[in-house]
C-alpha atoms as a PDB file:
ATOM      1  CA  MET A   1     106.831 110.953 136.684  1.00  0.00           C
ATOM      2  CA  LYS A   2     103.945 108.964 135.279  1.00  0.00           C
ATOM      3  CA  SER A   3     104.803 106.403 132.630  1.00  0.00           C
ATOM      4  CA  VAL A   4     103.506 106.984 129.119  1.00  0.00           C
ATOM      5  CA  LEU A   5     100.711 104.671 127.937  1.00  0.00           C
ATOM      6  CA  PRO A   6     100.993 102.301 130.936  1.00  0.00           C
ATOM      7  CA  VAL A   7      97.996 100.109 130.024  1.00  0.00           C
ATOM      8  CA  PHE A   8      99.080  99.806 126.403  1.00  0.00           C
ATOM      9  CA  ARG A   9     102.676  98.983 127.271  1.00  0.00           C
ATOM     10  CA  ARG A  10     101.698  96.394 129.864  1.00  0.00           C
ATOM     11  CA  SER A  11      99.227  94.742 127.483  1.00  0.00           C
ATOM     12  CA  ILE A  12     101.831  94.432 124.749  1.00  0.00           C
ATOM     13  CA  ARG A  13     104.469  93.214 127.180  1.00  0.00           C
ATOM     14  CA  GLU A  14     102.239  90.553 128.705  1.00  0.00           C
ATOM     15  CA  SER A  15     100.901  89.264 125.392  1.00  0.00           C
ATOM     16  CA  TRP A  16     104.114  88.718 123.439  1.00  0.00           C
ATOM     17  CA  ARG A  17     104.267  85.003 124.231  1.00  0.00           C
ATOM     18  CA  SER A  18     100.727  84.354 123.040  1.00  0.00           C
ATOM     19  CA  GLY A  19     101.462  86.611 120.093  1.00  0.00           C
ATOM     20  CA  ILE A  20     104.175  84.243 118.973  1.00  0.00           C
ATOM     21  CA  GLY A  21     101.631  81.436 119.010  1.00  0.00           C
ATOM     22  CA  TRP A  22      99.262  83.391 116.771  1.00  0.00           C
ATOM     23  CA  ILE A  23     102.127  84.249 114.426  1.00  0.00           C
ATOM     24  CA  LEU A  24     103.110  80.603 114.124  1.00  0.00           C
ATOM     25  CA  GLY A  25      99.495  79.572 113.546  1.00  0.00           C
ATOM     26  CA  ILE A  26      98.949  82.059 110.733  1.00  0.00           C
ATOM     27  CA  ALA A  27     102.284  81.231 109.145  1.00  0.00           C
ATOM     28  CA  ALA A  28     101.534  77.497 109.344  1.00  0.00           C
ATOM     29  CA  VAL A  29      98.184  77.931 107.566  1.00  0.00           C
ATOM     30  CA  LEU A  30      99.673  80.055 104.793  1.00  0.00           C
ATOM     31  CA  PHE A  31     102.660  77.785 104.216  1.00  0.00           C
ATOM     32  CA  LEU A  32     100.358  74.772 104.241  1.00  0.00           C
ATOM     33  CA  TYR A  33      97.763  76.028 101.761  1.00  0.00           C
ATOM     34  CA  LEU A  34      99.349  78.466  99.329  1.00  0.00           C
ATOM     35  CA  PRO A  35     102.259  76.316  98.066  1.00  0.00           C
ATOM     36  CA  LEU A  36      99.707  73.658  97.063  1.00  0.00           C
ATOM     37  CA  TYR A  37      98.129  75.873  94.419  1.00  0.00           C
ATOM     38  CA  PRO A  38     100.522  74.992  91.540  1.00  0.00           C
ATOM     39  CA  SER A  39      99.820  71.282  92.067  1.00  0.00           C
ATOM     40  CA  PHE A  40      96.057  71.761  91.784  1.00  0.00           C
ATOM     41  CA  GLY A  41      95.582  74.896  89.750  1.00  0.00           C
ATOM     42  CA  ALA A  42      97.887  74.221  86.834  1.00  0.00           C
ATOM     43  CA  ASN A  43      96.331  70.952  85.725  1.00  0.00           C
ATOM     44  CA  GLY A  44      92.700  71.849  86.349  1.00  0.00           C
ATOM     45  CA  GLN A  45      92.237  69.599  89.382  1.00  0.00           C
ATOM     46  CA  LEU A  46      90.678  72.444  91.355  1.00  0.00           C
ATOM     47  CA  GLU A  47      88.088  73.030  88.663  1.00  0.00           C
ATOM     48  CA  GLU A  48      87.164  69.358  88.689  1.00  0.00           C
ATOM     49  CA  ILE A  49      86.845  69.337  92.470  1.00  0.00           C
ATOM     50  CA  ILE A  50      84.669  72.450  92.434  1.00  0.00           C
ATOM     51  CA  LYS A  51      82.390  71.033  89.732  1.00  0.00           C
ATOM     52  CA  ALA A  52      81.715  68.039  91.968  1.00  0.00           C
ATOM     53  CA  LEU A  53      80.454  70.232  94.816  1.00  0.00           C
ATOM     54  CA  PRO A  54      76.884  71.562  95.147  1.00  0.00           C
ATOM     55  CA  SER A  55      76.562  75.036  93.665  1.00  0.00           C
ATOM     56  CA  GLN A  56      75.080  76.394  96.904  1.00  0.00           C
ATOM     57  CA  LEU A  57      78.115  75.208  98.857  1.00  0.00           C
ATOM     58  CA  ILE A  58      80.477  76.737  96.297  1.00  0.00           C
ATOM     59  CA  GLU A  59      78.751  80.102  96.596  1.00  0.00           C
ATOM     60  CA  THR A  60      78.627  79.959 100.386  1.00  0.00           C
ATOM     61  CA  LEU A  61      82.332  79.220 100.763  1.00  0.00           C
ATOM     62  CA  GLY A  62      83.331  81.614  98.007  1.00  0.00           C
ATOM     63  CA  TYR A  63      84.952  78.855  95.986  1.00  0.00           C
ATOM     64  CA  ASP A  64      83.647  80.097  92.639  1.00  0.00           C
ATOM     65  CA  GLN A  65      86.982  81.865  91.994  1.00  0.00           C
ATOM     66  CA  ILE A  66      89.229  79.250  93.582  1.00  0.00           C
ATOM     67  CA  ALA A  67      90.712  78.100  90.268  1.00  0.00           C
ATOM     68  CA  THR A  68      92.708  81.354  90.039  1.00  0.00           C
ATOM     69  CA  GLY A  69      95.648  82.124  92.282  1.00  0.00           C
ATOM     70  CA  ALA A  70      94.014  85.232  93.742  1.00  0.00           C
ATOM     71  CA  GLY A  71      90.738  83.388  94.246  1.00  0.00           C
ATOM     72  CA  TYR A  72      92.507  80.446  95.852  1.00  0.00           C
ATOM     73  CA  ALA A  73      94.318  82.661  98.386  1.00  0.00           C
ATOM     74  CA  GLN A  74      91.124  84.615  99.060  1.00  0.00           C
ATOM     75  CA  SER A  75      88.993  81.509  99.564  1.00  0.00           C
ATOM     76  CA  THR A  76      91.401  79.470 101.646  1.00  0.00           C
ATOM     77  CA  PHE A  77      92.961  82.156 103.824  1.00  0.00           C
ATOM     78  CA  TYR A  78      91.441  85.619 103.761  1.00  0.00           C
ATOM     79  CA  GLY A  79      87.863  84.434 103.501  1.00  0.00           C
ATOM     80  CA  LEU A  80      88.105  81.381 105.735  1.00  0.00           C
ATOM     81  CA  MET A  81      91.110  80.265 107.802  1.00  0.00           C
ATOM     82  CA  GLY A  82      92.702  83.685 108.214  1.00  0.00           C
ATOM     83  CA  PHE A  83      89.335  85.199 109.015  1.00  0.00           C
ATOM     84  CA  LEU A  84      88.742  82.476 111.607  1.00  0.00           C
ATOM     85  CA  LEU A  85      92.150  82.867 113.274  1.00  0.00           C
ATOM     86  CA  LEU A  86      92.112  86.649 113.483  1.00  0.00           C
ATOM     87  CA  THR A  87      88.514  86.632 114.672  1.00  0.00           C
ATOM     88  CA  ILE A  88      89.348  84.246 117.510  1.00  0.00           C
ATOM     89  CA  ALA A  89      92.276  86.445 118.527  1.00  0.00           C
ATOM     90  CA  ALA A  90      90.105  89.559 118.310  1.00  0.00           C
ATOM     91  CA  VAL A  91      87.321  88.040 120.412  1.00  0.00           C
ATOM     92  CA  LEU A  92      89.765  86.923 123.101  1.00  0.00           C
ATOM     93  CA  TRP A  93      91.624  90.220 123.246  1.00  0.00           C
ATOM     94  CA  GLY A  94      88.577  92.451 122.979  1.00  0.00           C
ATOM     95  CA  SER A  95      86.599  90.666 125.676  1.00  0.00           C
ATOM     96  CA  ALA A  96      89.550  90.486 128.070  1.00  0.00           C
ATOM     97  CA  ALA A  97      90.630  94.118 127.711  1.00  0.00           C
ATOM     98  CA  ILE A  98      87.951  95.683 129.922  1.00  0.00           C
ATOM     99  CA  ALA A  99      85.479  93.011 130.993  1.00  0.00           C
ATOM    100  CA  GLY A 100      88.167  90.470 131.787  1.00  0.00           C
ATOM    101  CA  ALA A 101      90.191  93.072 133.680  1.00  0.00           C
ATOM    102  CA  GLU A 102      87.140  94.117 135.673  1.00  0.00           C
ATOM    103  CA  GLU A 103      86.206  90.570 136.641  1.00  0.00           C
ATOM    104  CA  SER A 104      89.759  89.845 137.765  1.00  0.00           C
ATOM    105  CA  GLY A 105      89.966  93.040 139.819  1.00  0.00           C
ATOM    106  CA  ARG A 106      92.803  94.520 137.780  1.00  0.00           C
ATOM    107  CA  LEU A 107      90.671  97.323 136.357  1.00  0.00           C
ATOM    108  CA  GLU A 108      89.708  98.675 139.790  1.00  0.00           C
ATOM    109  CA  LEU A 109      93.327  98.479 140.937  1.00  0.00           C
ATOM    110  CA  ASP A 110      94.599 100.366 137.898  1.00  0.00           C
ATOM    111  CA  LEU A 111      91.964 103.072 138.242  1.00  0.00           C
ATOM    112  CA  ALA A 112      92.923 103.473 141.905  1.00  0.00           C
ATOM    113  CA  HIS A 113      96.465 104.300 140.760  1.00  0.00           C
ATOM    114  CA  GLY A 114      95.372 107.334 138.808  1.00  0.00           C
ATOM    115  CA  ILE A 115      94.631 105.909 135.365  1.00  0.00           C
ATOM    116  CA  GLY A 116      91.510 107.529 133.940  1.00  0.00           C
ATOM    117  CA  ARG A 117      88.667 105.375 132.705  1.00  0.00           C
ATOM    118  CA  ALA A 118      88.643 106.854 129.207  1.00  0.00           C
ATOM    119  CA  GLN A 119      92.423 106.472 129.081  1.00  0.00           C
ATOM    120  CA  TYR A 120      92.141 102.838 130.128  1.00  0.00           C
ATOM    121  CA  ALA A 121      89.636 102.067 127.384  1.00  0.00           C
ATOM    122  CA  ALA A 122      91.590 103.991 124.749  1.00  0.00           C
ATOM    123  CA  GLU A 123      94.892 102.307 125.562  1.00  0.00           C
ATOM    124  CA  SER A 124      93.209  98.904 125.661  1.00  0.00           C
ATOM    125  CA  ALA A 125      91.762  99.508 122.199  1.00  0.00           C
ATOM    126  CA  LEU A 126      95.148 100.662 120.922  1.00  0.00           C
ATOM    127  CA  ALA A 127      96.842  97.537 122.277  1.00  0.00           C
ATOM    128  CA  VAL A 128      94.331  95.295 120.517  1.00  0.00           C
ATOM    129  CA  LEU A 129      94.696  97.280 117.301  1.00  0.00           C
ATOM    130  CA  VAL A 130      98.496  97.055 117.284  1.00  0.00           C
ATOM    131  CA  ARG A 131      98.441  93.294 117.808  1.00  0.00           C
ATOM    132  CA  LEU A 132      95.870  92.769 115.046  1.00  0.00           C
ATOM    133  CA  LEU A 133      97.757  95.063 112.660  1.00  0.00           C
ATOM    134  CA  TRP A 134     100.878  93.031 113.314  1.00  0.00           C
ATOM    135  CA  LEU A 135      99.090  89.776 112.467  1.00  0.00           C
ATOM    136  CA  GLY A 136      97.513  91.335 109.361  1.00  0.00           C
ATOM    137  CA  ALA A 137     100.842  92.739 108.182  1.00  0.00           C
ATOM    138  CA  LEU A 138     102.569  89.427 108.807  1.00  0.00           C
ATOM    139  CA  SER A 139      99.981  87.516 106.789  1.00  0.00           C
ATOM    140  CA  GLY A 140     100.303  90.019 103.940  1.00  0.00           C
ATOM    141  CA  ALA A 141     104.094  89.731 103.981  1.00  0.00           C
ATOM    142  CA  ILE A 142     103.915  85.931 103.781  1.00  0.00           C
ATOM    143  CA  VAL A 143     101.407  86.055 100.914  1.00  0.00           C
ATOM    144  CA  PHE A 144     103.695  88.505  99.116  1.00  0.00           C
ATOM    145  CA  ALA A 145     106.687  86.222  99.677  1.00  0.00           C
ATOM    146  CA  LEU A 146     104.787  83.194  98.359  1.00  0.00           C
ATOM    147  CA  ASN A 147     103.131  85.020  95.475  1.00  0.00           C
ATOM    148  CA  ASP A 148     105.749  84.103  92.858  1.00  0.00           C
ATOM    149  CA  PRO A 149     106.870  80.698  94.229  1.00  0.00           C
ATOM    150  CA  ALA A 150     103.252  79.540  94.524  1.00  0.00           C
ATOM    151  CA  GLU A 151     102.368  81.002  91.098  1.00  0.00           C
ATOM    152  CA  LEU A 152      99.424  82.937  92.547  1.00  0.00           C
ATOM    153  CA  GLY A 153      99.718  85.870  90.160  1.00  0.00           C
ATOM    154  CA  ILE A 154      98.356  88.395  92.656  1.00  0.00           C
ATOM    155  CA  HIS A 155      98.895  92.091  91.938  1.00  0.00           C
ATOM    156  CA  PRO A 156     101.056  93.106  94.982  1.00  0.00           C
ATOM    157  CA  PRO A 157      99.062  96.252  95.953  1.00  0.00           C
ATOM    158  CA  HIS A 158      95.952  94.091  96.229  1.00  0.00           C
ATOM    159  CA  ILE A 159      97.629  92.176  99.059  1.00  0.00           C
ATOM    160  CA  ILE A 160      97.727  95.366 101.119  1.00  0.00           C
ATOM    161  CA  GLY A 161      94.002  95.916 100.599  1.00  0.00           C
ATOM    162  CA  ALA A 162      93.186  92.323 101.522  1.00  0.00           C
ATOM    163  CA  ALA A 163      95.276  92.576 104.686  1.00  0.00           C
ATOM    164  CA  LEU A 164      93.511  95.802 105.693  1.00  0.00           C
ATOM    165  CA  ALA A 165      90.120  94.197 105.041  1.00  0.00           C
ATOM    166  CA  LEU A 166      90.940  91.143 107.145  1.00  0.00           C
ATOM    167  CA  THR A 167      92.398  93.237 109.963  1.00  0.00           C
ATOM    168  CA  GLY A 168      89.444  95.607 109.855  1.00  0.00           C
ATOM    169  CA  LEU A 169      86.947  92.775 110.249  1.00  0.00           C
ATOM    170  CA  ALA A 170      88.874  91.435 113.235  1.00  0.00           C
ATOM    171  CA  PHE A 171      89.201  94.899 114.785  1.00  0.00           C
ATOM    172  CA  LEU A 172      85.468  95.481 114.399  1.00  0.00           C
ATOM    173  CA  SER A 173      84.708  92.288 116.341  1.00  0.00           C
ATOM    174  CA  ALA A 174      87.253  93.198 119.004  1.00  0.00           C
ATOM    175  CA  MET A 175      85.807  96.682 119.488  1.00  0.00           C
ATOM    176  CA  ALA A 176      82.291  95.282 119.683  1.00  0.00           C
ATOM    177  CA  GLY A 177      83.539  93.097 122.531  1.00  0.00           C
ATOM    178  CA  LEU A 178      85.348  96.020 124.138  1.00  0.00           C
ATOM    179  CA  PHE A 179      82.176  98.107 124.011  1.00  0.00           C
ATOM    180  CA  ALA A 180      80.031  95.328 125.476  1.00  0.00           C
ATOM    181  CA  GLY A 181      82.599  94.877 128.223  1.00  0.00           C
ATOM    182  CA  ALA A 182      82.632  98.603 128.968  1.00  0.00           C
ATOM    183  CA  LEU A 183      78.829  98.608 129.175  1.00  0.00           C
ATOM    184  CA  THR A 184      78.349  95.499 131.288  1.00  0.00           C
ATOM    185  CA  GLY A 185      81.654  94.560 132.888  1.00  0.00           C
ATOM    186  CA  ARG A 186      80.886  90.933 132.055  1.00  0.00           C
ATOM    187  CA  LYS A 187      83.304  88.911 129.977  1.00  0.00           C
ATOM    188  CA  ALA A 188      80.607  86.486 128.840  1.00  0.00           C
ATOM    189  CA  TRP A 189      78.636  89.348 127.300  1.00  0.00           C
ATOM    190  CA  ALA A 190      81.744  90.830 125.716  1.00  0.00           C
ATOM    191  CA  THR A 191      82.728  87.488 124.211  1.00  0.00           C
ATOM    192  CA  GLY A 192      79.223  86.815 122.924  1.00  0.00           C
ATOM    193  CA  VAL A 193      78.890  90.206 121.260  1.00  0.00           C
ATOM    194  CA  ALA A 194      82.356  90.090 119.690  1.00  0.00           C
ATOM    195  CA  ALA A 195      81.830  86.591 118.319  1.00  0.00           C
ATOM    196  CA  GLY A 196      78.267  87.421 117.265  1.00  0.00           C
ATOM    197  CA  VAL A 197      79.399  90.289 115.045  1.00  0.00           C
ATOM    198  CA  ALA A 198      81.782  87.996 113.184  1.00  0.00           C
ATOM    199  CA  VAL A 199      79.475  84.986 112.972  1.00  0.00           C
ATOM    200  CA  LEU A 200      76.396  86.926 111.903  1.00  0.00           C
ATOM    201  CA  GLY A 201      78.393  88.875 109.349  1.00  0.00           C
ATOM    202  CA  TYR A 202      79.610  85.642 107.791  1.00  0.00           C
ATOM    203  CA  VAL A 203      76.201  83.960 107.966  1.00  0.00           C
ATOM    204  CA  PHE A 204      74.335  86.936 106.470  1.00  0.00           C
ATOM    205  CA  GLN A 205      76.561  87.061 103.389  1.00  0.00           C
ATOM    206  CA  ALA A 206      76.374  83.284 103.004  1.00  0.00           C
ATOM    207  CA  VAL A 207      72.566  83.301 103.155  1.00  0.00           C
ATOM    208  CA  ALA A 208      72.409  86.289 100.787  1.00  0.00           C
ATOM    209  CA  LYS A 209      74.205  84.225  98.141  1.00  0.00           C
ATOM    210  CA  GLN A 210      71.459  81.619  98.142  1.00  0.00           C
ATOM    211  CA  SER A 211      68.729  83.841  96.735  1.00  0.00           C
ATOM    212  CA  LYS A 212      68.382  87.232  95.075  1.00  0.00           C
ATOM    213  CA  ASP A 213      65.476  87.898  97.418  1.00  0.00           C
ATOM    214  CA  LEU A 214      67.914  87.743 100.336  1.00  0.00           C
ATOM    215  CA  GLU A 215      70.676  89.918  98.894  1.00  0.00           C
ATOM    216  CA  TRP A 216      69.586  92.749 101.212  1.00  0.00           C
ATOM    217  CA  LEU A 217      71.301  90.841 104.021  1.00  0.00           C
ATOM    218  CA  ASN A 218      74.629  91.937 102.550  1.00  0.00           C
ATOM    219  CA  ALA A 219      73.858  95.425 103.828  1.00  0.00           C
ATOM    220  CA  LEU A 220      74.003  94.013 107.377  1.00  0.00           C
ATOM    221  CA  SER A 221      77.224  92.051 106.876  1.00  0.00           C
ATOM    222  CA  PRO A 222      80.643  93.645 107.483  1.00  0.00           C
ATOM    223  CA  TYR A 223      82.083  90.542 105.814  1.00  0.00           C
ATOM    224  CA  ALA A 224      80.164  91.375 102.643  1.00  0.00           C
ATOM    225  CA  TRP A 225      81.142  95.047 102.818  1.00  0.00           C
ATOM    226  CA  VAL A 226      84.811  94.220 102.276  1.00  0.00           C
ATOM    227  CA  TYR A 227      84.597  90.902 100.431  1.00  0.00           C
ATOM    228  CA  HIS A 228      81.703  91.279  97.971  1.00  0.00           C
ATOM    229  CA  GLN A 229      84.424  92.512  95.599  1.00  0.00           C
ATOM    230  CA  PRO A 230      87.343  90.038  95.845  1.00  0.00           C
ATOM    231  CA  PRO A 231      90.225  92.135  97.250  1.00  0.00           C
ATOM    232  CA  LEU A 232      93.014  89.989  95.851  1.00  0.00           C
ATOM    233  CA  LYS A 233      91.487  89.855  92.375  1.00  0.00           C
ATOM    234  CA  ASP A 234      89.851  93.254  91.839  1.00  0.00           C
ATOM    235  CA  GLY A 235      91.247  95.308  94.694  1.00  0.00           C
ATOM    236  CA  VAL A 236      89.509  96.098  97.964  1.00  0.00           C
ATOM    237  CA  ASP A 237      86.223  97.993  97.962  1.00  0.00           C
ATOM    238  CA  VAL A 238      87.313 101.293  99.557  1.00  0.00           C
ATOM    239  CA  PRO A 239      83.870 102.475 100.797  1.00  0.00           C
ATOM    240  CA  GLY A 240      83.257  99.102 102.444  1.00  0.00           C
ATOM    241  CA  LEU A 241      86.719  99.122 103.983  1.00  0.00           C
ATOM    242  CA  LEU A 242      86.240 102.640 105.367  1.00  0.00           C
ATOM    243  CA  LEU A 243      82.840 101.655 106.759  1.00  0.00           C
ATOM    244  CA  VAL A 244      84.267  98.696 108.666  1.00  0.00           C
ATOM    245  CA  TRP A 245      87.166 100.687 110.084  1.00  0.00           C
ATOM    246  CA  GLY A 246      84.947 103.673 110.839  1.00  0.00           C
ATOM    247  CA  ILE A 247      82.474 101.632 112.880  1.00  0.00           C
ATOM    248  CA  ALA A 248      85.339  99.931 114.732  1.00  0.00           C
ATOM    249  CA  VAL A 249      86.860 103.284 115.703  1.00  0.00           C
ATOM    250  CA  ALA A 250      83.423 104.596 116.718  1.00  0.00           C
ATOM    251  CA  LEU A 251      82.967 101.568 118.994  1.00  0.00           C
ATOM    252  CA  ALA A 252      86.370 102.250 120.573  1.00  0.00           C
ATOM    253  CA  VAL A 253      85.304 105.829 121.332  1.00  0.00           C
ATOM    254  CA  ALA A 254      81.950 104.599 122.634  1.00  0.00           C
ATOM    255  CA  SER A 255      83.792 102.160 124.906  1.00  0.00           C
ATOM    256  CA  ALA A 256      85.709 105.015 126.521  1.00  0.00           C
ATOM    257  CA  LEU A 257      82.498 106.976 127.073  1.00  0.00           C
ATOM    258  CA  ALA A 258      80.631 103.961 128.420  1.00  0.00           C
ATOM    259  CA  LEU A 259      83.369 103.039 130.892  1.00  0.00           C
ATOM    260  CA  ALA A 260      83.685 106.650 132.045  1.00  0.00           C
ATOM    261  CA  ARG A 261      79.966 106.874 132.866  1.00  0.00           C
ATOM    262  CA  ARG A 262      79.257 103.443 134.342  1.00  0.00           C
ATOM    263  CA  ASP A 263      79.153 102.791 138.063  1.00  0.00           C
ATOM    264  CA  LEU A 264      81.774 100.072 138.508  1.00  0.00           C
ATOM    265  CA  ARG A 265      80.330  99.184 141.881  1.00  0.00           C
ATOM    266  CA  GLY A 266      76.962  98.269 140.301  1.00  0.00           C
END
């Protein structure tokens, strides 16, 4: 009898040790930054620090709302450190899932044992998604736990939206890498595409904030799609969230089609 979801199960089983490292890293960042808010926010120190910074830098980093608890959590974690950590994880996992497996010879071996190409791509995408959802849920749970002690004043349902936005951005990068890997079989290409989606998305929204003439760049930035409306303060922008997740799922499907049609001997 064939095992159910063999690629998915193996990926989860082999990644649990590294997963613990990512969990500890995210937890460390949250427990380092969020408890500091009462010390800075209550007495106006944050406002004084922000006033001393160039306005362009404040807009680029999204620090214009940092004096509020929701803005502080958004700026320090969801918009910066959390985005960076989950993006790195997504790039590594997405580029290794197909391209890395092909370069190591594991992909050819698995396919020789009766695993279909589309199945391989689909299970690889699912494994990446589950790991990213776990990190997103963990970060949301920690923010929820620190919400009252750190005096952030965040409306709890908004934490769910912010977690989905962050996870969606990471999943989009991962699926871009998965698709590039399915097309080329080269890990370098997969890594470059996955990282490029994240970096360009961040850069486009940052540049768009510098001039009204450049605001059209927001239309090209997944980062702007989910963060132009602060999720922790005003709730996540649902159309932008659906767009990010929709494109990520479409890339996962495209990865299965691309791997199924490509000559792996080429």
